[in-house]
Amino acid sequence: MKVYLDKRVLGDDNVKRLEKMFPDMQFVTGDSHIEDIDIGIIMPRFFQDKDASAFKRLKWIQFLMAGYDDFDFGDFNRKSIVFTNAQNIFSTSIAEDVLTKMLFFNRNVKHYLSSMDKGEWDPIREEHEITHSTIGILGCGSIGREIAKRFKPFDVHIIGYRRKNQSLPNFDDIVTKEAGLQDLLKKSDYVIVALPLTKKTHHLINDRRIAIMKDDALLINVARGDIIDQKALYEALVNHKIRGAGLDVTSPEPLPKDHPLWSLDNAFITPHNASSSPYMKKRLTKLVMDNLNRYLNDHPLLYRIGQ
């Protein structure tokens, strides 16, 4: 059985671990002769410019990330290829990143860093608290649930927006559809975007919906840049329609040097790095090991998507 591994993501040491654990499998990491692979353990963009018909033996693709919005399933689905993704791998670090972005604004970190550079003692006497606030989380998947879990000890009210009106641990309310989304936006002091990018969520947060938000609300996006209409967001920030935006994702990426978002005091931008963690490769490798064992023993695979 031939398995293609993206070693840039897993790292050489983890590739060696897999080779040792599965000695009967042939692991390949180069692009030559990949047409006869049985399994692809890759990033979604790996197949972006490749014809599905060229893969005669491919049966299963394990994505090494949770998002797969840039992957065209079409021809691969028609070949009955199984897909799984990397859920619950990045959610812990992303939840901590959301907290970082909140505290950056609430505790005026930029102001105090500037004061340190100048040697100035310049306190701000009334700063925002997370405690007793309302947090709206758009998307209740593994990332949204981890965010809710992390913030519940702050004694907050958490509203989740999802397709199904089904209760979840750590969420006080679940809302659905347009009326529910509007209610969440009206009530929330913090709106956190953790949705997958689809045709339905493209520019879900637009000028009309931003106008519903509180003028002292924070908007935080750790999902995909195109879920927010970036032009509408820029106008809202310039005109202080909301307090600020913490963005780990933008459109396009990388955000051009001359983009006006960089110049705003009420925008905090990080380079799509919310998932950064020294434990990421270890967690990914464990998932790959678990799913390879399941595949070999004809057990249901973890985190199957599509079909």
C-alpha atoms as a PDB file:
ATOM      1  CA  MET A   1       0.000   0.000   0.000  1.00  0.00           C
ATOM      2  CA  LYS A   2       1.469   3.335  -1.102  1.00  0.00           C
ATOM      3  CA  VAL A   3       0.869   6.440   1.018  1.00  0.00           C
ATOM      4  CA  TYR A   4       1.760  10.004   0.050  1.00  0.00           C
ATOM      5  CA  LEU A   5       2.751  12.177   3.023  1.00  0.00           C
ATOM      6  CA  ASP A   6       3.179  15.943   3.082  1.00  0.00           C
ATOM      7  CA  LYS A   7       6.309  15.972   5.234  1.00  0.00           C
ATOM      8  CA  ARG A   8       6.454  19.765   5.220  1.00  0.00           C
ATOM      9  CA  VAL A   9       3.457  19.695   7.541  1.00  0.00           C
ATOM     10  CA  LEU A  10       4.283  16.633   9.636  1.00  0.00           C
ATOM     11  CA  GLY A  11       8.074  17.009   9.718  1.00  0.00           C
ATOM     12  CA  ASP A  12      10.817  14.452   9.093  1.00  0.00           C
ATOM     13  CA  ASP A  13      10.761  13.000  12.607  1.00  0.00           C
ATOM     14  CA  ASN A  14       7.054  12.261  12.465  1.00  0.00           C
ATOM     15  CA  VAL A  15       7.370  10.724   9.010  1.00  0.00           C
ATOM     16  CA  LYS A  16       9.980   8.367  10.460  1.00  0.00           C
ATOM     17  CA  ARG A  17       7.596   7.499  13.316  1.00  0.00           C
ATOM     18  CA  LEU A  18       4.915   6.554  10.812  1.00  0.00           C
ATOM     19  CA  GLU A  19       7.338   4.475   8.771  1.00  0.00           C
ATOM     20  CA  LYS A  20       8.362   2.593  11.911  1.00  0.00           C
ATOM     21  CA  MET A  21       4.786   2.016  13.065  1.00  0.00           C
ATOM     22  CA  PHE A  22       3.535   0.887   9.638  1.00  0.00           C
ATOM     23  CA  PRO A  23       6.450  -1.058   8.104  1.00  0.00           C
ATOM     24  CA  ASP A  24       4.256  -2.709   5.475  1.00  0.00           C
ATOM     25  CA  MET A  25       3.264   0.628   3.984  1.00  0.00           C
ATOM     26  CA  GLN A  26       5.339   2.478   1.412  1.00  0.00           C
ATOM     27  CA  PHE A  27       5.467   6.150   2.361  1.00  0.00           C
ATOM     28  CA  VAL A  28       6.442   8.633  -0.341  1.00  0.00           C
ATOM     29  CA  THR A  29       7.026  12.336   0.084  1.00  0.00           C
ATOM     30  CA  GLY A  30       8.099  13.466  -3.390  1.00  0.00           C
ATOM     31  CA  ASP A  31       5.834  14.382  -6.295  1.00  0.00           C
ATOM     32  CA  SER A  32       7.162  11.680  -8.619  1.00  0.00           C
ATOM     33  CA  HIS A  33       4.998   8.616  -9.291  1.00  0.00           C
ATOM     34  CA  ILE A  34       2.141   9.836  -7.101  1.00  0.00           C
ATOM     35  CA  GLU A  35      -0.488   8.575  -9.557  1.00  0.00           C
ATOM     36  CA  ASP A  36      -0.353   5.086  -8.031  1.00  0.00           C
ATOM     37  CA  ILE A  37      -0.841   6.110  -4.395  1.00  0.00           C
ATOM     38  CA  ASP A  38      -3.587   4.438  -2.353  1.00  0.00           C
ATOM     39  CA  ILE A  39      -3.776   7.128   0.356  1.00  0.00           C
ATOM     40  CA  GLY A  40      -2.985  10.837   0.318  1.00  0.00           C
ATOM     41  CA  ILE A  41      -2.163  12.562   3.625  1.00  0.00           C
ATOM     42  CA  ILE A  42      -1.953  16.115   2.420  1.00  0.00           C
ATOM     43  CA  MET A  43      -3.039  19.754   2.492  1.00  0.00           C
ATOM     44  CA  PRO A  44      -6.156  20.444   0.368  1.00  0.00           C
ATOM     45  CA  ARG A  45      -4.231  22.560  -2.154  1.00  0.00           C
ATOM     46  CA  PHE A  46      -2.042  19.562  -3.058  1.00  0.00           C
ATOM     47  CA  PHE A  47      -4.637  18.304  -5.542  1.00  0.00           C
ATOM     48  CA  GLN A  48      -5.608  21.767  -6.782  1.00  0.00           C
ATOM     49  CA  ASP A  49      -3.947  21.449 -10.186  1.00  0.00           C
ATOM     50  CA  LYS A  50      -4.185  17.659 -10.499  1.00  0.00           C
ATOM     51  CA  ASP A  51      -6.670  15.593 -12.510  1.00  0.00           C
ATOM     52  CA  ALA A  52      -8.600  13.072 -10.406  1.00  0.00           C
ATOM     53  CA  SER A  53      -8.643  10.614 -13.303  1.00  0.00           C
ATOM     54  CA  ALA A  54      -4.839  10.286 -13.044  1.00  0.00           C
ATOM     55  CA  PHE A  55      -5.129   8.566  -9.653  1.00  0.00           C
ATOM     56  CA  LYS A  56      -6.051   4.970 -10.460  1.00  0.00           C
ATOM     57  CA  ARG A  57      -5.732   3.506  -6.957  1.00  0.00           C
ATOM     58  CA  LEU A  58      -6.552   6.415  -4.659  1.00  0.00           C
ATOM     59  CA  LYS A  59      -9.136   5.411  -2.024  1.00  0.00           C
ATOM     60  CA  TRP A  60      -8.773   7.889   0.852  1.00  0.00           C
ATOM     61  CA  ILE A  61      -7.561  11.449   1.350  1.00  0.00           C
ATOM     62  CA  GLN A  62      -6.671  12.674   4.848  1.00  0.00           C
ATOM     63  CA  PHE A  63      -6.496  16.458   4.948  1.00  0.00           C
ATOM     64  CA  LEU A  64      -3.934  17.884   7.362  1.00  0.00           C
ATOM     65  CA  MET A  65      -6.113  20.854   8.244  1.00  0.00           C
ATOM     66  CA  ALA A  66      -9.715  21.426   9.291  1.00  0.00           C
ATOM     67  CA  GLY A  67     -10.692  23.756   6.429  1.00  0.00           C
ATOM     68  CA  TYR A  68     -11.104  22.515   2.871  1.00  0.00           C
ATOM     69  CA  ASP A  69     -12.998  25.344   1.155  1.00  0.00           C
ATOM     70  CA  ASP A  70     -10.403  25.608  -1.642  1.00  0.00           C
ATOM     71  CA  PHE A  71     -10.765  21.945  -2.637  1.00  0.00           C
ATOM     72  CA  ASP A  72     -12.987  20.846  -5.528  1.00  0.00           C
ATOM     73  CA  PHE A  73     -14.534  17.514  -4.533  1.00  0.00           C
ATOM     74  CA  GLY A  74     -16.291  17.019  -7.884  1.00  0.00           C
ATOM     75  CA  ASP A  75     -14.299  14.385  -9.801  1.00  0.00           C
ATOM     76  CA  PHE A  76     -12.878  12.881  -6.626  1.00  0.00           C
ATOM     77  CA  ASN A  77     -16.375  12.299  -5.226  1.00  0.00           C
ATOM     78  CA  ARG A  78     -17.382  10.610  -8.464  1.00  0.00           C
ATOM     79  CA  LYS A  79     -14.539   8.161  -7.908  1.00  0.00           C
ATOM     80  CA  SER A  80     -15.966   7.342  -4.437  1.00  0.00           C
ATOM     81  CA  ILE A  81     -12.837   8.519  -2.666  1.00  0.00           C
ATOM     82  CA  VAL A  82     -13.228   8.899   1.102  1.00  0.00           C
ATOM     83  CA  PHE A  83     -12.237  12.207   2.730  1.00  0.00           C
ATOM     84  CA  THR A  84     -11.342  13.003   6.322  1.00  0.00           C
ATOM     85  CA  ASN A  85     -10.092  16.234   7.837  1.00  0.00           C
ATOM     86  CA  ALA A  86      -8.129  17.325  10.905  1.00  0.00           C
ATOM     87  CA  GLN A  87     -10.760  18.339  13.410  1.00  0.00           C
ATOM     88  CA  ASN A  88      -9.904  19.033  17.059  1.00  0.00           C
ATOM     89  CA  ILE A  89      -6.230  19.560  16.201  1.00  0.00           C
ATOM     90  CA  PHE A  90      -6.078  23.346  16.017  1.00  0.00           C
ATOM     91  CA  SER A  91      -9.019  24.370  18.205  1.00  0.00           C
ATOM     92  CA  THR A  92      -7.098  24.787  21.487  1.00  0.00           C
ATOM     93  CA  SER A  93      -4.536  27.248  20.137  1.00  0.00           C
ATOM     94  CA  ILE A  94      -7.162  29.094  18.087  1.00  0.00           C
ATOM     95  CA  ALA A  95      -9.359  29.550  21.174  1.00  0.00           C
ATOM     96  CA  GLU A  96      -6.358  31.003  23.016  1.00  0.00           C
ATOM     97  CA  ASP A  97      -5.701  33.307  20.057  1.00  0.00           C
ATOM     98  CA  VAL A  98      -9.269  34.626  20.312  1.00  0.00           C
ATOM     99  CA  LEU A  99      -8.665  35.427  23.979  1.00  0.00           C
ATOM    100  CA  THR A 100      -5.435  37.204  23.022  1.00  0.00           C
ATOM    101  CA  LYS A 101      -7.239  39.399  20.518  1.00  0.00           C
ATOM    102  CA  MET A 102      -9.936  40.287  23.037  1.00  0.00           C
ATOM    103  CA  LEU A 103      -7.398  41.242  25.701  1.00  0.00           C
ATOM    104  CA  PHE A 104      -5.319  43.192  23.170  1.00  0.00           C
ATOM    105  CA  PHE A 105      -8.233  45.587  22.782  1.00  0.00           C
ATOM    106  CA  ASN A 106      -9.718  45.391  26.276  1.00  0.00           C
ATOM    107  CA  ARG A 107      -6.434  46.109  28.057  1.00  0.00           C
ATOM    108  CA  ASN A 108      -5.197  48.622  25.454  1.00  0.00           C
ATOM    109  CA  VAL A 109      -1.989  46.701  24.806  1.00  0.00           C
ATOM    110  CA  LYS A 110      -0.992  48.827  21.816  1.00  0.00           C
ATOM    111  CA  HIS A 111      -1.299  52.011  23.873  1.00  0.00           C
ATOM    112  CA  TYR A 112       0.875  50.675  26.694  1.00  0.00           C
ATOM    113  CA  LEU A 113       3.535  49.336  24.335  1.00  0.00           C
ATOM    114  CA  SER A 114       3.724  52.814  22.816  1.00  0.00           C
ATOM    115  CA  SER A 115       3.907  54.350  26.309  1.00  0.00           C
ATOM    116  CA  MET A 116       6.794  52.030  27.214  1.00  0.00           C
ATOM    117  CA  ASP A 117       8.692  53.081  24.094  1.00  0.00           C
ATOM    118  CA  LYS A 118       8.268  56.724  25.123  1.00  0.00           C
ATOM    119  CA  GLY A 119       8.858  56.142  28.834  1.00  0.00           C
ATOM    120  CA  GLU A 120       5.432  57.621  29.607  1.00  0.00           C
ATOM    121  CA  TRP A 121       3.160  56.776  32.567  1.00  0.00           C
ATOM    122  CA  ASP A 122      -0.216  57.135  30.861  1.00  0.00           C
ATOM    123  CA  PRO A 123      -2.962  54.949  32.393  1.00  0.00           C
ATOM    124  CA  ILE A 124      -6.400  54.416  30.885  1.00  0.00           C
ATOM    125  CA  ARG A 125      -8.775  54.267  33.838  1.00  0.00           C
ATOM    126  CA  GLU A 126     -11.803  52.548  32.307  1.00  0.00           C
ATOM    127  CA  GLU A 127     -11.036  49.446  30.293  1.00  0.00           C
ATOM    128  CA  HIS A 128     -13.386  46.752  29.039  1.00  0.00           C
ATOM    129  CA  GLU A 129     -13.911  43.438  30.817  1.00  0.00           C
ATOM    130  CA  ILE A 130     -14.893  40.097  29.374  1.00  0.00           C
ATOM    131  CA  THR A 131     -16.711  39.101  32.583  1.00  0.00           C
ATOM    132  CA  HIS A 132     -20.530  39.336  32.391  1.00  0.00           C
ATOM    133  CA  SER A 133     -20.414  40.133  28.671  1.00  0.00           C
ATOM    134  CA  THR A 134     -22.281  38.424  25.840  1.00  0.00           C
ATOM    135  CA  ILE A 135     -20.207  36.449  23.363  1.00  0.00           C
ATOM    136  CA  GLY A 136     -21.630  35.426  19.995  1.00  0.00           C
ATOM    137  CA  ILE A 137     -19.869  32.565  18.236  1.00  0.00           C
ATOM    138  CA  LEU A 138     -20.644  32.022  14.559  1.00  0.00           C
ATOM    139  CA  GLY A 139     -19.966  28.340  13.976  1.00  0.00           C
ATOM    140  CA  CYS A 140     -20.262  25.643  16.631  1.00  0.00           C
ATOM    141  CA  GLY A 141     -17.810  23.102  15.272  1.00  0.00           C
ATOM    142  CA  SER A 142     -14.673  21.992  17.095  1.00  0.00           C
ATOM    143  CA  ILE A 143     -13.217  25.531  17.132  1.00  0.00           C
ATOM    144  CA  GLY A 144     -16.443  27.219  18.216  1.00  0.00           C
ATOM    145  CA  ARG A 145     -16.975  24.659  20.976  1.00  0.00           C
ATOM    146  CA  GLU A 146     -13.419  25.088  22.261  1.00  0.00           C
ATOM    147  CA  ILE A 147     -13.857  28.861  22.316  1.00  0.00           C
ATOM    148  CA  ALA A 148     -17.069  28.485  24.326  1.00  0.00           C
ATOM    149  CA  LYS A 149     -15.367  26.094  26.735  1.00  0.00           C
ATOM    150  CA  ARG A 150     -12.494  28.523  27.306  1.00  0.00           C
ATOM    151  CA  PHE A 151     -14.733  31.539  27.912  1.00  0.00           C
ATOM    152  CA  LYS A 152     -17.456  30.016  30.081  1.00  0.00           C
ATOM    153  CA  PRO A 153     -15.393  30.514  33.308  1.00  0.00           C
ATOM    154  CA  PHE A 154     -15.570  34.291  32.682  1.00  0.00           C
ATOM    155  CA  ASP A 155     -19.239  34.160  33.697  1.00  0.00           C
ATOM    156  CA  VAL A 156     -20.377  35.234  30.241  1.00  0.00           C
ATOM    157  CA  HIS A 157     -23.516  34.568  28.229  1.00  0.00           C
ATOM    158  CA  ILE A 158     -22.613  32.604  25.112  1.00  0.00           C
ATOM    159  CA  ILE A 159     -24.794  32.502  21.995  1.00  0.00           C
ATOM    160  CA  GLY A 160     -23.968  30.083  19.210  1.00  0.00           C
ATOM    161  CA  TYR A 161     -25.078  30.378  15.593  1.00  0.00           C
ATOM    162  CA  ARG A 162     -25.380  27.138  13.642  1.00  0.00           C
ATOM    163  CA  ARG A 163     -27.572  25.334  11.097  1.00  0.00           C
ATOM    164  CA  LYS A 164     -29.315  23.035  13.602  1.00  0.00           C
ATOM    165  CA  ASN A 165     -31.201  24.287  16.629  1.00  0.00           C
ATOM    166  CA  GLN A 166     -29.549  21.801  18.956  1.00  0.00           C
ATOM    167  CA  SER A 167     -28.139  22.589  22.400  1.00  0.00           C
ATOM    168  CA  LEU A 168     -24.414  22.243  23.123  1.00  0.00           C
ATOM    169  CA  PRO A 169     -22.323  22.286  26.317  1.00  0.00           C
ATOM    170  CA  ASN A 170     -21.139  25.780  27.385  1.00  0.00           C
ATOM    171  CA  PHE A 171     -23.575  27.553  25.052  1.00  0.00           C
ATOM    172  CA  ASP A 172     -26.446  29.368  26.786  1.00  0.00           C
ATOM    173  CA  ASP A 173     -28.426  29.830  23.578  1.00  0.00           C
ATOM    174  CA  ILE A 174     -28.303  28.401  20.073  1.00  0.00           C
ATOM    175  CA  VAL A 175     -29.752  30.442  17.228  1.00  0.00           C
ATOM    176  CA  THR A 176     -30.335  29.619  13.570  1.00  0.00           C
ATOM    177  CA  LYS A 177     -31.350  31.309  10.330  1.00  0.00           C
ATOM    178  CA  GLU A 178     -31.413  35.041   9.624  1.00  0.00           C
ATOM    179  CA  ALA A 179     -33.528  36.044  12.613  1.00  0.00           C
ATOM    180  CA  GLY A 180     -31.209  34.204  14.973  1.00  0.00           C
ATOM    181  CA  LEU A 181     -28.110  35.719  13.394  1.00  0.00           C
ATOM    182  CA  GLN A 182     -29.522  39.223  13.724  1.00  0.00           C
ATOM    183  CA  ASP A 183     -30.426  38.595  17.361  1.00  0.00           C
ATOM    184  CA  LEU A 184     -26.879  37.402  18.082  1.00  0.00           C
ATOM    185  CA  LEU A 185     -25.327  40.437  16.394  1.00  0.00           C
ATOM    186  CA  LYS A 186     -27.568  42.852  18.306  1.00  0.00           C
ATOM    187  CA  LYS A 187     -26.824  41.347  21.708  1.00  0.00           C
ATOM    188  CA  SER A 188     -23.133  40.399  21.506  1.00  0.00           C
ATOM    189  CA  ASP A 189     -20.261  42.410  22.925  1.00  0.00           C
ATOM    190  CA  TYR A 190     -17.898  40.087  21.068  1.00  0.00           C
ATOM    191  CA  VAL A 191     -18.687  38.418  17.745  1.00  0.00           C
ATOM    192  CA  ILE A 192     -16.346  35.572  16.866  1.00  0.00           C
ATOM    193  CA  VAL A 193     -16.332  34.085  13.362  1.00  0.00           C
ATOM    194  CA  ALA A 194     -15.470  30.376  13.353  1.00  0.00           C
ATOM    195  CA  LEU A 195     -17.479  29.174  10.354  1.00  0.00           C
ATOM    196  CA  PRO A 196     -16.320  27.258   7.288  1.00  0.00           C
ATOM    197  CA  LEU A 197     -16.294  29.273   4.078  1.00  0.00           C
ATOM    198  CA  THR A 198     -19.098  28.185   1.732  1.00  0.00           C
ATOM    199  CA  LYS A 199     -21.308  29.875  -0.837  1.00  0.00           C
ATOM    200  CA  LYS A 200     -23.776  30.613   1.955  1.00  0.00           C
ATOM    201  CA  THR A 201     -21.200  32.097   4.347  1.00  0.00           C
ATOM    202  CA  HIS A 202     -19.327  34.178   1.761  1.00  0.00           C
ATOM    203  CA  HIS A 203     -19.645  37.802   2.976  1.00  0.00           C
ATOM    204  CA  LEU A 204     -22.058  36.654   5.667  1.00  0.00           C
ATOM    205  CA  ILE A 205     -20.824  39.611   7.687  1.00  0.00           C
ATOM    206  CA  ASN A 206     -21.552  42.545   5.399  1.00  0.00           C
ATOM    207  CA  ASP A 207     -22.369  46.237   5.849  1.00  0.00           C
ATOM    208  CA  ARG A 208     -25.997  45.511   6.718  1.00  0.00           C
ATOM    209  CA  ARG A 209     -25.106  43.013   9.416  1.00  0.00           C
ATOM    210  CA  ILE A 210     -22.226  45.060  10.819  1.00  0.00           C
ATOM    211  CA  ALA A 211     -24.716  47.926  11.235  1.00  0.00           C
ATOM    212  CA  ILE A 212     -26.719  45.697  13.604  1.00  0.00           C
ATOM    213  CA  MET A 213     -23.766  45.255  15.969  1.00  0.00           C
ATOM    214  CA  LYS A 214     -23.143  47.320  19.097  1.00  0.00           C
ATOM    215  CA  ASP A 215     -20.886  50.312  18.566  1.00  0.00           C
ATOM    216  CA  ASP A 216     -18.498  49.028  21.254  1.00  0.00           C
ATOM    217  CA  ALA A 217     -18.477  45.437  19.974  1.00  0.00           C
ATOM    218  CA  LEU A 218     -15.373  43.589  18.842  1.00  0.00           C
ATOM    219  CA  LEU A 219     -15.411  41.436  15.703  1.00  0.00           C
ATOM    220  CA  ILE A 220     -12.889  38.592  15.652  1.00  0.00           C
ATOM    221  CA  ASN A 221     -12.309  36.350  12.639  1.00  0.00           C
ATOM    222  CA  VAL A 222     -10.327  33.103  12.959  1.00  0.00           C
ATOM    223  CA  ALA A 223     -12.074  31.337  10.068  1.00  0.00           C
ATOM    224  CA  ARG A 224     -11.683  32.620   6.497  1.00  0.00           C
ATOM    225  CA  GLY A 225     -11.237  36.170   5.247  1.00  0.00           C
ATOM    226  CA  ASP A 226     -14.063  36.049   2.710  1.00  0.00           C
ATOM    227  CA  ILE A 227     -16.717  35.385   5.355  1.00  0.00           C
ATOM    228  CA  ILE A 228     -16.445  39.105   6.117  1.00  0.00           C
ATOM    229  CA  ASP A 229     -16.949  41.764   3.457  1.00  0.00           C
ATOM    230  CA  GLN A 230     -13.575  43.415   4.038  1.00  0.00           C
ATOM    231  CA  LYS A 231     -14.530  46.696   2.383  1.00  0.00           C
ATOM    232  CA  ALA A 232     -17.574  46.969   4.637  1.00  0.00           C
ATOM    233  CA  LEU A 233     -15.442  46.127   7.657  1.00  0.00           C
ATOM    234  CA  TYR A 234     -12.882  48.788   6.765  1.00  0.00           C
ATOM    235  CA  GLU A 235     -15.615  51.436   6.476  1.00  0.00           C
ATOM    236  CA  ALA A 236     -17.084  50.359   9.815  1.00  0.00           C
ATOM    237  CA  LEU A 237     -13.694  50.590  11.539  1.00  0.00           C
ATOM    238  CA  VAL A 238     -12.822  53.971  10.012  1.00  0.00           C
ATOM    239  CA  ASN A 239     -16.177  55.373  11.095  1.00  0.00           C
ATOM    240  CA  HIS A 240     -16.063  53.620  14.501  1.00  0.00           C
ATOM    241  CA  LYS A 241     -19.299  51.731  13.905  1.00  0.00           C
ATOM    242  CA  ILE A 242     -17.705  48.993  16.006  1.00  0.00           C
ATOM    243  CA  ARG A 243     -14.883  49.175  18.558  1.00  0.00           C
ATOM    244  CA  GLY A 244     -12.407  47.035  16.700  1.00  0.00           C
ATOM    245  CA  ALA A 245     -11.583  43.919  14.712  1.00  0.00           C
ATOM    246  CA  GLY A 246      -9.116  41.144  15.456  1.00  0.00           C
ATOM    247  CA  LEU A 247      -8.290  39.361  12.224  1.00  0.00           C
ATOM    248  CA  ASP A 248      -6.204  36.244  11.798  1.00  0.00           C
ATOM    249  CA  VAL A 249      -7.486  35.896   8.231  1.00  0.00           C
ATOM    250  CA  THR A 250      -7.924  38.410   5.422  1.00  0.00           C
ATOM    251  CA  SER A 251      -8.772  38.594   1.751  1.00  0.00           C
ATOM    252  CA  PRO A 252      -6.395  38.252   0.016  1.00  0.00           C
ATOM    253  CA  GLU A 253      -3.627  36.522   1.929  1.00  0.00           C
ATOM    254  CA  PRO A 254      -1.016  37.761   2.478  1.00  0.00           C
ATOM    255  CA  LEU A 255      -2.649  41.148   2.943  1.00  0.00           C
ATOM    256  CA  PRO A 256      -0.782  43.600   0.657  1.00  0.00           C
ATOM    257  CA  LYS A 257       1.616  46.012   2.375  1.00  0.00           C
ATOM    258  CA  ASP A 258      -0.316  49.032   1.137  1.00  0.00           C
ATOM    259  CA  HIS A 259      -3.742  47.767   2.254  1.00  0.00           C
ATOM    260  CA  PRO A 260      -5.504  50.440   4.368  1.00  0.00           C
ATOM    261  CA  LEU A 261      -6.439  47.929   7.090  1.00  0.00           C
ATOM    262  CA  TRP A 262      -2.813  47.934   8.269  1.00  0.00           C
ATOM    263  CA  SER A 263      -3.001  51.609   9.194  1.00  0.00           C
ATOM    264  CA  LEU A 264      -6.025  51.389  11.505  1.00  0.00           C
ATOM    265  CA  ASP A 265      -5.516  51.675  15.265  1.00  0.00           C
ATOM    266  CA  ASN A 266      -8.658  49.601  15.864  1.00  0.00           C
ATOM    267  CA  ALA A 267      -7.538  46.621  13.776  1.00  0.00           C
ATOM    268  CA  PHE A 268      -5.249  43.883  15.083  1.00  0.00           C
ATOM    269  CA  ILE A 269      -4.034  41.610  12.278  1.00  0.00           C
ATOM    270  CA  THR A 270      -2.065  38.377  12.556  1.00  0.00           C
ATOM    271  CA  PRO A 271      -0.833  36.359   9.531  1.00  0.00           C
ATOM    272  CA  HIS A 272      -3.247  33.377   9.569  1.00  0.00           C
ATOM    273  CA  ASN A 273      -1.293  31.998  12.493  1.00  0.00           C
ATOM    274  CA  ALA A 274      -3.926  31.407  15.184  1.00  0.00           C
ATOM    275  CA  SER A 275      -3.299  27.659  15.057  1.00  0.00           C
ATOM    276  CA  SER A 276       0.415  28.051  15.782  1.00  0.00           C
ATOM    277  CA  SER A 277       1.534  25.624  18.494  1.00  0.00           C
ATOM    278  CA  PRO A 278       4.563  23.462  19.326  1.00  0.00           C
ATOM    279  CA  TYR A 279       2.099  20.578  19.719  1.00  0.00           C
ATOM    280  CA  MET A 280       0.448  20.847  16.295  1.00  0.00           C
ATOM    281  CA  LYS A 281       2.651  18.321  14.462  1.00  0.00           C
ATOM    282  CA  LYS A 282       2.386  15.853  17.347  1.00  0.00           C
ATOM    283  CA  ARG A 283      -1.420  16.113  17.373  1.00  0.00           C
ATOM    284  CA  LEU A 284      -1.609  15.755  13.601  1.00  0.00           C
ATOM    285  CA  THR A 285       0.643  12.702  13.615  1.00  0.00           C
ATOM    286  CA  LYS A 286      -1.464  11.035  16.307  1.00  0.00           C
ATOM    287  CA  LEU A 287      -4.597  11.609  14.228  1.00  0.00           C
ATOM    288  CA  VAL A 288      -2.888  10.151  11.147  1.00  0.00           C
ATOM    289  CA  MET A 289      -1.770   7.108  13.149  1.00  0.00           C
ATOM    290  CA  ASP A 290      -5.259   6.584  14.563  1.00  0.00           C
ATOM    291  CA  ASN A 291      -6.898   6.823  11.158  1.00  0.00           C
ATOM    292  CA  LEU A 292      -4.329   4.599   9.439  1.00  0.00           C
ATOM    293  CA  ASN A 293      -4.981   1.935  12.079  1.00  0.00           C
ATOM    294  CA  ARG A 294      -8.715   2.326  11.554  1.00  0.00           C
ATOM    295  CA  TYR A 295      -8.312   2.074   7.790  1.00  0.00           C
ATOM    296  CA  LEU A 296      -6.202  -1.074   8.005  1.00  0.00           C
ATOM    297  CA  ASN A 297      -8.681  -2.698  10.392  1.00  0.00           C
ATOM    298  CA  ASP A 298     -11.733  -1.636   8.391  1.00  0.00           C
ATOM    299  CA  HIS A 299     -13.054   0.573  11.211  1.00  0.00           C
ATOM    300  CA  PRO A 300     -14.899   3.888  10.652  1.00  0.00           C
ATOM    301  CA  LEU A 301     -12.485   6.739  10.049  1.00  0.00           C
ATOM    302  CA  LEU A 302     -12.405   9.781  12.304  1.00  0.00           C
ATOM    303  CA  TYR A 303     -13.801  13.062  10.970  1.00  0.00           C
ATOM    304  CA  ARG A 304     -15.142  11.839   7.650  1.00  0.00           C
ATOM    305  CA  ILE A 305     -16.457  14.687   5.493  1.00  0.00           C
ATOM    306  CA  GLY A 306     -18.622  14.968   2.389  1.00  0.00           C
ATOM    307  CA  GLN A 307     -20.638  12.251   0.702  1.00  0.00           C
END
